[in-house]
Each structure stands twice: as structure tokens, then as C-alpha cells.
Amino acid sequence: MILGMISFTKVHVVISLIAIVSGLFVAFGLLTAKRFNGLTAFFLVTTVATSVTGSFFPFHGFTPAIGVGIVSLVVLAIAIFARYGRRLTGAWRWIYVVTAMLALYLNVFVLIVQLFQKVPALRALAPTESEPPFLVAQLVAIALFVVLTIFAVIKFRNEQHSMS
């Protein structure tokens, strides 16, 4: 059972990292008014897979990780509906941008948490994750994502290419 959980954890981590990297490319596309259709679908699928696989870890009771996973899946459902169900028409365009960027941010948020839990040097800086280095890392991440999301909404609003 332990070996199975180690393998499962590795698969989950790889999917999560792939989702983050593909999400960064999608964010770049939003900031440059490009859709990157295939990469966007890949990002959305891997990000859903990240949240779904994360729910299979042996938790005892409701945890912050479960909460983030639930929020992520709701955000992703809205992003997918806006992108594919509503085809980015009207307000669905900015709703898609905000939810796609929020989904990416949630992955980065969890990455920062995991780095502070698993990397010894970072764990020494913030053993309870309430110390200034952890808080600064999270504040910088959220501030960066807020600014990038605002610019992405503005820039992607002007995108005029047809949906493929």
C-alpha cells in the first residue's frame, strides 16, 4: 500500500507541475491575446486531473487541501463552460480569463505550500507556515496573479481570432 501511495503521489506531482507549466503558457497567451487552443485544453484537463487526483489522498476529515480542490474544480467548471459552452461570447470572455488565471493561481498556491513543507531550507524558514517568509511568498504570488489577471482581461478582450 505504501509503495502504491508513493507512486500515486509522484503521478499527482507530475500532473500538477505539467498543469502549472502549461498554465503559464496559457497565461502568456491571454496576455498577448492568443488563444493557444490545444494548450488551453491541455491546461484545463491537467488542472482538473490535479484537483481530482488530489482528492484521493488518505485525508482524515475536511482539510484545507480538500477545500482548495473543491474551489479549484468549481472555478474550472466555470472556465470550461465559458470557453467551450459559451465560446467566450460577451461577459464569458472575461469570466474565462479570470477563472483560468484563478485556477492557475490555486495550483501555484499549493505549489508554494508544498515547497515550504517539503524543501528543508524553506521548512526551516517557516516551519508552521505562519512565518513571514511563507506569508511574503504567498502575498507576492497573489499580487502577481491579480496584476496579471487584470492585464489579461484587458488584453484578451481585444483578441479577435476565430475559435478553432
N, C-alpha and C. Protein backbone atom coordinates (compact mmCIF):
# COMPACT_ATOMS: atom_id res chain seq x y z
N MET A 1 0.82 -1.20 0.00
CA MET A 1 0.00 0.00 0.00
C MET A 1 0.86 1.26 0.00
N ILE A 2 1.94 1.27 0.79
CA ILE A 2 2.81 2.44 0.87
C ILE A 2 3.45 2.71 -0.50
N LEU A 3 3.95 1.65 -1.15
CA LEU A 3 4.58 1.85 -2.47
C LEU A 3 3.57 2.39 -3.47
N GLY A 4 2.33 1.91 -3.40
CA GLY A 4 1.29 2.41 -4.29
C GLY A 4 1.02 3.89 -4.05
N MET A 5 1.04 4.31 -2.78
CA MET A 5 0.80 5.71 -2.45
C MET A 5 1.98 6.57 -2.91
N ILE A 6 3.19 6.05 -2.80
CA ILE A 6 4.36 6.80 -3.27
C ILE A 6 4.27 7.02 -4.78
N SER A 7 3.91 5.97 -5.52
CA SER A 7 3.75 6.10 -6.97
C SER A 7 2.63 7.05 -7.31
N PHE A 8 1.50 6.95 -6.60
CA PHE A 8 0.37 7.83 -6.84
C PHE A 8 0.76 9.29 -6.59
N THR A 9 1.51 9.51 -5.51
CA THR A 9 1.96 10.86 -5.18
C THR A 9 2.84 11.42 -6.30
N LYS A 10 3.75 10.59 -6.80
CA LYS A 10 4.62 11.04 -7.89
C LYS A 10 3.81 11.41 -9.13
N VAL A 11 2.83 10.59 -9.48
CA VAL A 11 1.99 10.87 -10.64
C VAL A 11 1.23 12.18 -10.42
N HIS A 12 0.68 12.35 -9.22
CA HIS A 12 -0.06 13.59 -8.89
C HIS A 12 0.86 14.81 -9.02
N VAL A 13 2.07 14.71 -8.50
CA VAL A 13 3.01 15.83 -8.56
C VAL A 13 3.38 16.16 -10.01
N VAL A 14 3.62 15.14 -10.81
CA VAL A 14 3.97 15.37 -12.22
C VAL A 14 2.80 16.04 -12.94
N ILE A 15 1.59 15.54 -12.72
CA ILE A 15 0.42 16.16 -13.36
C ILE A 15 0.30 17.62 -12.91
N SER A 16 0.51 17.87 -11.63
CA SER A 16 0.40 19.24 -11.10
C SER A 16 1.43 20.17 -11.74
N LEU A 17 2.66 19.70 -11.86
CA LEU A 17 3.71 20.52 -12.47
C LEU A 17 3.44 20.77 -13.95
N ILE A 18 2.95 19.76 -14.64
CA ILE A 18 2.60 19.93 -16.05
C ILE A 18 1.46 20.94 -16.18
N ALA A 19 0.48 20.87 -15.27
CA ALA A 19 -0.63 21.82 -15.30
C ALA A 19 -0.12 23.25 -15.07
N ILE A 20 0.81 23.41 -14.15
CA ILE A 20 1.35 24.75 -13.88
C ILE A 20 2.12 25.28 -15.09
N VAL A 21 2.99 24.47 -15.64
CA VAL A 21 3.78 24.91 -16.80
C VAL A 21 2.87 25.23 -17.99
N SER A 22 1.93 24.35 -18.28
CA SER A 22 1.03 24.63 -19.41
C SER A 22 0.17 25.86 -19.09
N GLY A 23 -0.20 26.04 -17.83
CA GLY A 23 -0.96 27.21 -17.42
C GLY A 23 -0.19 28.50 -17.61
N LEU A 24 1.10 28.45 -17.39
CA LEU A 24 1.93 29.65 -17.61
C LEU A 24 1.93 30.04 -19.09
N PHE A 25 1.97 29.04 -19.97
CA PHE A 25 1.88 29.33 -21.40
C PHE A 25 0.50 29.89 -21.77
N VAL A 26 -0.54 29.33 -21.17
CA VAL A 26 -1.89 29.85 -21.42
C VAL A 26 -2.01 31.29 -20.92
N ALA A 27 -1.46 31.57 -19.74
CA ALA A 27 -1.46 32.94 -19.20
C ALA A 27 -0.73 33.88 -20.16
N PHE A 28 0.40 33.43 -20.69
CA PHE A 28 1.13 34.23 -21.68
C PHE A 28 0.23 34.50 -22.88
N GLY A 29 -0.50 33.49 -23.32
CA GLY A 29 -1.43 33.67 -24.44
C GLY A 29 -2.50 34.69 -24.13
N LEU A 30 -3.04 34.63 -22.92
CA LEU A 30 -4.06 35.61 -22.53
C LEU A 30 -3.48 37.03 -22.53
N LEU A 31 -2.24 37.14 -22.08
CA LEU A 31 -1.59 38.46 -22.01
C LEU A 31 -1.19 38.99 -23.39
N THR A 32 -1.11 38.10 -24.37
CA THR A 32 -0.74 38.52 -25.72
C THR A 32 -1.90 38.34 -26.71
N ALA A 33 -3.11 38.11 -26.18
CA ALA A 33 -4.32 37.97 -26.99
C ALA A 33 -4.25 36.81 -27.97
N LYS A 34 -3.69 35.70 -27.51
CA LYS A 34 -3.63 34.48 -28.32
C LYS A 34 -4.32 33.36 -27.56
N ARG A 35 -5.06 32.54 -28.28
CA ARG A 35 -5.87 31.51 -27.62
C ARG A 35 -5.11 30.23 -27.29
N PHE A 36 -4.15 29.84 -28.06
CA PHE A 36 -3.44 28.57 -27.83
C PHE A 36 -4.44 27.45 -27.53
N ASN A 37 -5.33 27.17 -28.49
CA ASN A 37 -6.45 26.26 -28.28
C ASN A 37 -6.06 24.90 -27.71
N GLY A 38 -5.11 24.24 -28.34
CA GLY A 38 -4.71 22.91 -27.87
C GLY A 38 -4.08 22.95 -26.49
N LEU A 39 -3.21 23.91 -26.28
CA LEU A 39 -2.54 24.05 -24.99
C LEU A 39 -3.54 24.44 -23.89
N THR A 40 -4.52 25.24 -24.24
CA THR A 40 -5.55 25.62 -23.27
C THR A 40 -6.34 24.39 -22.83
N ALA A 41 -6.74 23.56 -23.77
CA ALA A 41 -7.47 22.33 -23.42
C ALA A 41 -6.59 21.44 -22.54
N PHE A 42 -5.32 21.34 -22.88
CA PHE A 42 -4.38 20.53 -22.10
C PHE A 42 -4.26 21.08 -20.68
N PHE A 43 -4.13 22.39 -20.55
CA PHE A 43 -4.05 23.02 -19.23
C PHE A 43 -5.30 22.73 -18.41
N LEU A 44 -6.46 22.91 -19.01
CA LEU A 44 -7.70 22.68 -18.27
C LEU A 44 -7.84 21.22 -17.84
N VAL A 45 -7.51 20.30 -18.73
CA VAL A 45 -7.61 18.87 -18.41
C VAL A 45 -6.62 18.49 -17.31
N THR A 46 -5.38 18.95 -17.42
CA THR A 46 -4.39 18.58 -16.39
C THR A 46 -4.68 19.26 -15.06
N THR A 47 -5.27 20.43 -15.10
CA THR A 47 -5.61 21.11 -13.85
C THR A 47 -6.80 20.41 -13.18
N VAL A 48 -7.77 19.97 -13.97
CA VAL A 48 -8.86 19.15 -13.41
C VAL A 48 -8.26 17.87 -12.83
N ALA A 49 -7.36 17.23 -13.57
CA ALA A 49 -6.74 15.99 -13.09
C ALA A 49 -5.98 16.22 -11.78
N THR A 50 -5.35 17.37 -11.65
CA THR A 50 -4.63 17.69 -10.41
C THR A 50 -5.61 17.72 -9.23
N SER A 51 -6.72 18.41 -9.40
CA SER A 51 -7.70 18.51 -8.31
C SER A 51 -8.35 17.16 -8.02
N VAL A 52 -8.66 16.41 -9.06
CA VAL A 52 -9.29 15.11 -8.86
C VAL A 52 -8.33 14.13 -8.18
N THR A 53 -7.10 14.03 -8.68
CA THR A 53 -6.16 13.10 -8.05
C THR A 53 -5.83 13.52 -6.63
N GLY A 54 -5.81 14.82 -6.37
CA GLY A 54 -5.55 15.30 -5.02
C GLY A 54 -6.59 14.85 -4.02
N SER A 55 -7.81 14.59 -4.50
CA SER A 55 -8.87 14.17 -3.59
C SER A 55 -8.75 12.70 -3.18
N PHE A 56 -7.86 11.95 -3.82
CA PHE A 56 -7.70 10.53 -3.49
C PHE A 56 -6.66 10.24 -2.42
N PHE A 57 -6.04 11.29 -1.89
CA PHE A 57 -5.09 11.06 -0.80
C PHE A 57 -5.86 10.73 0.47
N PRO A 58 -5.26 9.93 1.34
CA PRO A 58 -5.98 9.49 2.55
C PRO A 58 -6.07 10.59 3.62
N PHE A 59 -7.06 11.47 3.47
CA PHE A 59 -7.28 12.54 4.44
C PHE A 59 -8.19 12.03 5.55
N HIS A 60 -8.09 12.65 6.69
CA HIS A 60 -8.98 12.35 7.81
C HIS A 60 -9.76 13.61 8.12
N GLY A 61 -11.00 13.66 7.65
CA GLY A 61 -11.81 14.85 7.83
C GLY A 61 -11.56 15.87 6.74
N PHE A 62 -12.22 16.99 6.88
CA PHE A 62 -12.08 18.08 5.91
C PHE A 62 -10.78 18.83 6.18
N THR A 63 -9.98 19.05 5.14
CA THR A 63 -8.70 19.75 5.28
C THR A 63 -8.66 20.94 4.33
N PRO A 64 -7.72 21.86 4.56
CA PRO A 64 -7.57 22.97 3.60
C PRO A 64 -7.30 22.47 2.17
N ALA A 65 -6.58 21.37 2.04
CA ALA A 65 -6.29 20.82 0.71
C ALA A 65 -7.57 20.40 0.00
N ILE A 66 -8.49 19.79 0.74
CA ILE A 66 -9.77 19.41 0.14
C ILE A 66 -10.55 20.66 -0.26
N GLY A 67 -10.51 21.68 0.58
CA GLY A 67 -11.18 22.94 0.27
C GLY A 67 -10.65 23.58 -1.00
N VAL A 68 -9.33 23.62 -1.13
CA VAL A 68 -8.71 24.19 -2.33
C VAL A 68 -9.11 23.37 -3.56
N GLY A 69 -9.11 22.05 -3.42
CA GLY A 69 -9.50 21.18 -4.53
C GLY A 69 -10.93 21.42 -4.99
N ILE A 70 -11.84 21.59 -4.02
CA ILE A 70 -13.25 21.85 -4.35
C ILE A 70 -13.38 23.20 -5.05
N VAL A 71 -12.76 24.22 -4.49
CA VAL A 71 -12.81 25.55 -5.11
C VAL A 71 -12.24 25.49 -6.52
N SER A 72 -11.12 24.80 -6.68
CA SER A 72 -10.49 24.68 -7.99
C SER A 72 -11.42 24.02 -9.00
N LEU A 73 -12.09 22.95 -8.60
CA LEU A 73 -13.00 22.27 -9.53
C LEU A 73 -14.19 23.15 -9.92
N VAL A 74 -14.70 23.93 -8.98
CA VAL A 74 -15.80 24.86 -9.30
C VAL A 74 -15.31 25.92 -10.28
N VAL A 75 -14.14 26.49 -9.99
CA VAL A 75 -13.55 27.52 -10.86
C VAL A 75 -13.30 26.94 -12.26
N LEU A 76 -12.78 25.72 -12.31
CA LEU A 76 -12.51 25.08 -13.60
C LEU A 76 -13.79 24.79 -14.37
N ALA A 77 -14.84 24.40 -13.68
CA ALA A 77 -16.12 24.16 -14.36
C ALA A 77 -16.61 25.44 -15.02
N ILE A 78 -16.47 26.55 -14.33
CA ILE A 78 -16.88 27.84 -14.90
C ILE A 78 -15.98 28.20 -16.09
N ALA A 79 -14.67 28.01 -15.95
CA ALA A 79 -13.74 28.32 -17.04
C ALA A 79 -14.05 27.48 -18.28
N ILE A 80 -14.28 26.20 -18.07
CA ILE A 80 -14.56 25.30 -19.20
C ILE A 80 -15.88 25.69 -19.86
N PHE A 81 -16.90 26.00 -19.05
CA PHE A 81 -18.19 26.42 -19.60
C PHE A 81 -18.05 27.73 -20.39
N ALA A 82 -17.31 28.68 -19.83
CA ALA A 82 -17.12 29.96 -20.51
C ALA A 82 -16.38 29.77 -21.84
N ARG A 83 -15.36 28.93 -21.82
CA ARG A 83 -14.51 28.73 -23.00
C ARG A 83 -15.20 27.91 -24.09
N TYR A 84 -15.83 26.81 -23.68
CA TYR A 84 -16.37 25.88 -24.67
C TYR A 84 -17.89 25.93 -24.76
N GLY A 85 -18.57 26.13 -23.64
CA GLY A 85 -20.03 26.18 -23.67
C GLY A 85 -20.54 27.50 -24.22
N ARG A 86 -19.92 28.59 -23.79
CA ARG A 86 -20.34 29.93 -24.22
C ARG A 86 -19.42 30.53 -25.26
N ARG A 87 -18.36 29.84 -25.59
CA ARG A 87 -17.43 30.22 -26.67
C ARG A 87 -16.90 31.65 -26.53
N LEU A 88 -16.70 32.07 -25.28
CA LEU A 88 -16.10 33.38 -24.96
C LEU A 88 -16.94 34.56 -25.44
N THR A 89 -18.24 34.38 -25.57
CA THR A 89 -19.09 35.48 -26.04
C THR A 89 -19.44 36.41 -24.87
N GLY A 90 -19.47 37.69 -25.17
CA GLY A 90 -19.87 38.68 -24.19
C GLY A 90 -19.04 38.62 -22.92
N ALA A 91 -19.73 38.65 -21.78
CA ALA A 91 -19.06 38.64 -20.48
C ALA A 91 -18.30 37.33 -20.22
N TRP A 92 -18.65 36.29 -20.95
CA TRP A 92 -17.98 34.99 -20.75
C TRP A 92 -16.49 35.06 -21.08
N ARG A 93 -16.11 36.04 -21.90
CA ARG A 93 -14.69 36.21 -22.24
C ARG A 93 -13.89 36.57 -20.99
N TRP A 94 -14.31 37.61 -20.27
CA TRP A 94 -13.55 38.00 -19.08
C TRP A 94 -13.73 36.99 -17.95
N ILE A 95 -14.91 36.35 -17.89
CA ILE A 95 -15.13 35.32 -16.88
C ILE A 95 -14.15 34.17 -17.11
N TYR A 96 -13.96 33.79 -18.36
CA TYR A 96 -12.99 32.74 -18.67
C TYR A 96 -11.58 33.15 -18.24
N VAL A 97 -11.16 34.35 -18.58
CA VAL A 97 -9.82 34.81 -18.23
C VAL A 97 -9.62 34.78 -16.72
N VAL A 98 -10.56 35.31 -15.98
CA VAL A 98 -10.43 35.36 -14.52
C VAL A 98 -10.40 33.95 -13.94
N THR A 99 -11.27 33.07 -14.40
CA THR A 99 -11.31 31.73 -13.83
C THR A 99 -10.10 30.89 -14.25
N ALA A 100 -9.63 31.05 -15.47
CA ALA A 100 -8.43 30.33 -15.89
C ALA A 100 -7.22 30.78 -15.06
N MET A 101 -7.10 32.08 -14.89
CA MET A 101 -5.98 32.61 -14.08
C MET A 101 -6.13 32.20 -12.62
N LEU A 102 -7.34 32.17 -12.10
CA LEU A 102 -7.56 31.74 -10.72
C LEU A 102 -7.21 30.26 -10.54
N ALA A 103 -7.56 29.45 -11.52
CA ALA A 103 -7.21 28.03 -11.46
C ALA A 103 -5.69 27.86 -11.44
N LEU A 104 -5.00 28.62 -12.26
CA LEU A 104 -3.54 28.56 -12.26
C LEU A 104 -2.99 29.05 -10.93
N TYR A 105 -3.53 30.15 -10.42
CA TYR A 105 -3.07 30.65 -9.12
C TYR A 105 -3.25 29.60 -8.02
N LEU A 106 -4.38 28.92 -8.00
CA LEU A 106 -4.61 27.91 -6.96
C LEU A 106 -3.55 26.81 -7.03
N ASN A 107 -3.16 26.43 -8.25
CA ASN A 107 -2.07 25.44 -8.40
C ASN A 107 -0.76 26.00 -7.85
N VAL A 108 -0.47 27.25 -8.15
CA VAL A 108 0.76 27.88 -7.66
C VAL A 108 0.71 28.03 -6.13
N PHE A 109 -0.45 28.40 -5.61
CA PHE A 109 -0.63 28.49 -4.15
C PHE A 109 -0.26 27.17 -3.48
N VAL A 110 -0.78 26.07 -4.02
CA VAL A 110 -0.49 24.75 -3.46
C VAL A 110 0.99 24.41 -3.65
N LEU A 111 1.57 24.78 -4.79
CA LEU A 111 3.00 24.55 -5.01
C LEU A 111 3.82 25.25 -3.93
N ILE A 112 3.50 26.48 -3.62
CA ILE A 112 4.24 27.21 -2.59
C ILE A 112 4.09 26.51 -1.25
N VAL A 113 2.88 26.08 -0.91
CA VAL A 113 2.67 25.35 0.35
C VAL A 113 3.54 24.10 0.37
N GLN A 114 3.50 23.35 -0.72
CA GLN A 114 4.27 22.10 -0.78
C GLN A 114 5.77 22.36 -0.71
N LEU A 115 6.24 23.40 -1.35
CA LEU A 115 7.67 23.73 -1.28
C LEU A 115 8.09 24.04 0.16
N PHE A 116 7.26 24.79 0.88
CA PHE A 116 7.59 25.12 2.26
C PHE A 116 7.45 23.90 3.18
N GLN A 117 6.67 22.92 2.78
CA GLN A 117 6.55 21.70 3.59
C GLN A 117 7.65 20.69 3.28
N LYS A 118 8.10 20.63 2.04
CA LYS A 118 8.99 19.55 1.61
C LYS A 118 10.45 19.93 1.44
N VAL A 119 10.75 21.19 1.16
CA VAL A 119 12.13 21.62 0.96
C VAL A 119 12.70 22.03 2.32
N PRO A 120 13.72 21.31 2.79
CA PRO A 120 14.23 21.56 4.14
C PRO A 120 14.61 23.03 4.42
N ALA A 121 15.25 23.68 3.49
CA ALA A 121 15.65 25.08 3.72
C ALA A 121 14.43 25.99 3.89
N LEU A 122 13.40 25.76 3.11
CA LEU A 122 12.19 26.56 3.24
C LEU A 122 11.41 26.19 4.49
N ARG A 123 11.39 24.91 4.81
CA ARG A 123 10.72 24.46 6.03
C ARG A 123 11.37 25.08 7.27
N ALA A 124 12.69 25.22 7.24
CA ALA A 124 13.40 25.84 8.36
C ALA A 124 13.02 27.32 8.49
N LEU A 125 12.75 27.97 7.37
CA LEU A 125 12.36 29.39 7.39
C LEU A 125 10.94 29.59 7.91
N ALA A 126 10.07 28.61 7.66
CA ALA A 126 8.65 28.75 8.03
C ALA A 126 8.08 27.40 8.44
N PRO A 127 8.48 26.87 9.58
CA PRO A 127 8.05 25.53 9.98
C PRO A 127 6.54 25.40 10.21
N THR A 128 5.86 26.47 10.57
CA THR A 128 4.41 26.38 10.79
C THR A 128 3.61 27.04 9.67
N GLU A 129 4.30 27.55 8.67
CA GLU A 129 3.69 28.24 7.53
C GLU A 129 2.90 29.48 7.96
N SER A 130 3.31 30.05 9.08
CA SER A 130 2.70 31.31 9.51
C SER A 130 3.78 32.38 9.69
N GLU A 131 5.02 32.02 9.38
CA GLU A 131 6.15 32.94 9.50
C GLU A 131 6.22 33.86 8.28
N PRO A 132 6.90 35.01 8.43
CA PRO A 132 6.99 35.99 7.34
C PRO A 132 7.46 35.44 5.98
N PRO A 133 8.47 34.56 5.89
CA PRO A 133 8.87 34.11 4.54
C PRO A 133 7.74 33.43 3.77
N PHE A 134 6.96 32.61 4.46
CA PHE A 134 5.84 31.94 3.81
C PHE A 134 4.77 32.95 3.41
N LEU A 135 4.45 33.84 4.32
CA LEU A 135 3.42 34.84 4.06
C LEU A 135 3.83 35.77 2.92
N VAL A 136 5.10 36.15 2.89
CA VAL A 136 5.59 37.01 1.81
C VAL A 136 5.51 36.28 0.47
N ALA A 137 5.91 35.02 0.45
CA ALA A 137 5.84 34.25 -0.80
C ALA A 137 4.41 34.19 -1.31
N GLN A 138 3.46 33.93 -0.42
CA GLN A 138 2.06 33.85 -0.83
C GLN A 138 1.51 35.22 -1.25
N LEU A 139 1.89 36.27 -0.52
CA LEU A 139 1.43 37.62 -0.89
C LEU A 139 1.99 38.06 -2.24
N VAL A 140 3.25 37.75 -2.50
CA VAL A 140 3.85 38.09 -3.79
C VAL A 140 3.13 37.34 -4.91
N ALA A 141 2.85 36.06 -4.68
CA ALA A 141 2.15 35.26 -5.69
C ALA A 141 0.76 35.83 -5.98
N ILE A 142 0.01 36.12 -4.94
CA ILE A 142 -1.36 36.61 -5.19
C ILE A 142 -1.33 38.00 -5.83
N ALA A 143 -0.41 38.86 -5.40
CA ALA A 143 -0.31 40.19 -6.01
C ALA A 143 0.06 40.07 -7.49
N LEU A 144 1.00 39.22 -7.80
CA LEU A 144 1.40 39.00 -9.19
C LEU A 144 0.21 38.50 -10.02
N PHE A 145 -0.53 37.54 -9.48
CA PHE A 145 -1.66 37.00 -10.22
C PHE A 145 -2.78 38.01 -10.38
N VAL A 146 -3.01 38.85 -9.39
CA VAL A 146 -4.04 39.89 -9.52
C VAL A 146 -3.66 40.84 -10.65
N VAL A 147 -2.42 41.30 -10.66
CA VAL A 147 -1.96 42.22 -11.70
C VAL A 147 -2.02 41.56 -13.08
N LEU A 148 -1.50 40.34 -13.17
CA LEU A 148 -1.51 39.64 -14.46
C LEU A 148 -2.94 39.38 -14.95
N THR A 149 -3.83 39.07 -14.04
CA THR A 149 -5.22 38.81 -14.42
C THR A 149 -5.87 40.08 -14.95
N ILE A 150 -5.63 41.19 -14.31
CA ILE A 150 -6.17 42.47 -14.80
C ILE A 150 -5.67 42.76 -16.21
N PHE A 151 -4.37 42.62 -16.42
CA PHE A 151 -3.81 42.85 -17.75
C PHE A 151 -4.34 41.84 -18.77
N ALA A 152 -4.51 40.60 -18.35
CA ALA A 152 -5.03 39.56 -19.26
C ALA A 152 -6.47 39.86 -19.66
N VAL A 153 -7.28 40.31 -18.71
CA VAL A 153 -8.67 40.65 -19.04
C VAL A 153 -8.69 41.79 -20.07
N ILE A 154 -7.85 42.78 -19.86
CA ILE A 154 -7.80 43.92 -20.78
C ILE A 154 -7.29 43.48 -22.15
N LYS A 155 -6.21 42.75 -22.18
CA LYS A 155 -5.58 42.35 -23.45
C LYS A 155 -6.43 41.33 -24.20
N PHE A 156 -6.94 40.31 -23.49
CA PHE A 156 -7.68 39.25 -24.17
C PHE A 156 -9.05 39.74 -24.66
N ARG A 157 -9.53 40.83 -24.09
CA ARG A 157 -10.79 41.43 -24.54
C ARG A 157 -10.67 41.86 -26.00
N ASN A 158 -9.46 42.24 -26.39
CA ASN A 158 -9.24 42.74 -27.74
C ASN A 158 -8.89 41.65 -28.75
N GLU A 159 -8.77 40.41 -28.29
CA GLU A 159 -8.42 39.29 -29.17
C GLU A 159 -9.56 39.07 -30.16
N GLN A 160 -9.23 38.94 -31.44
CA GLN A 160 -10.26 38.85 -32.47
C GLN A 160 -10.20 37.59 -33.32
N HIS A 161 -9.31 36.67 -33.00
CA HIS A 161 -9.17 35.47 -33.85
C HIS A 161 -10.37 34.55 -33.66
N SER A 162 -10.64 33.76 -34.69
CA SER A 162 -11.76 32.83 -34.62
C SER A 162 -11.39 31.64 -33.75
N MET A 163 -12.40 31.05 -33.16
CA MET A 163 -12.21 29.88 -32.29
C MET A 163 -12.04 28.66 -33.19
N SER A 164 -10.99 27.85 -32.91
CA SER A 164 -10.83 26.63 -33.69
C SER A 164 -11.03 25.42 -32.85
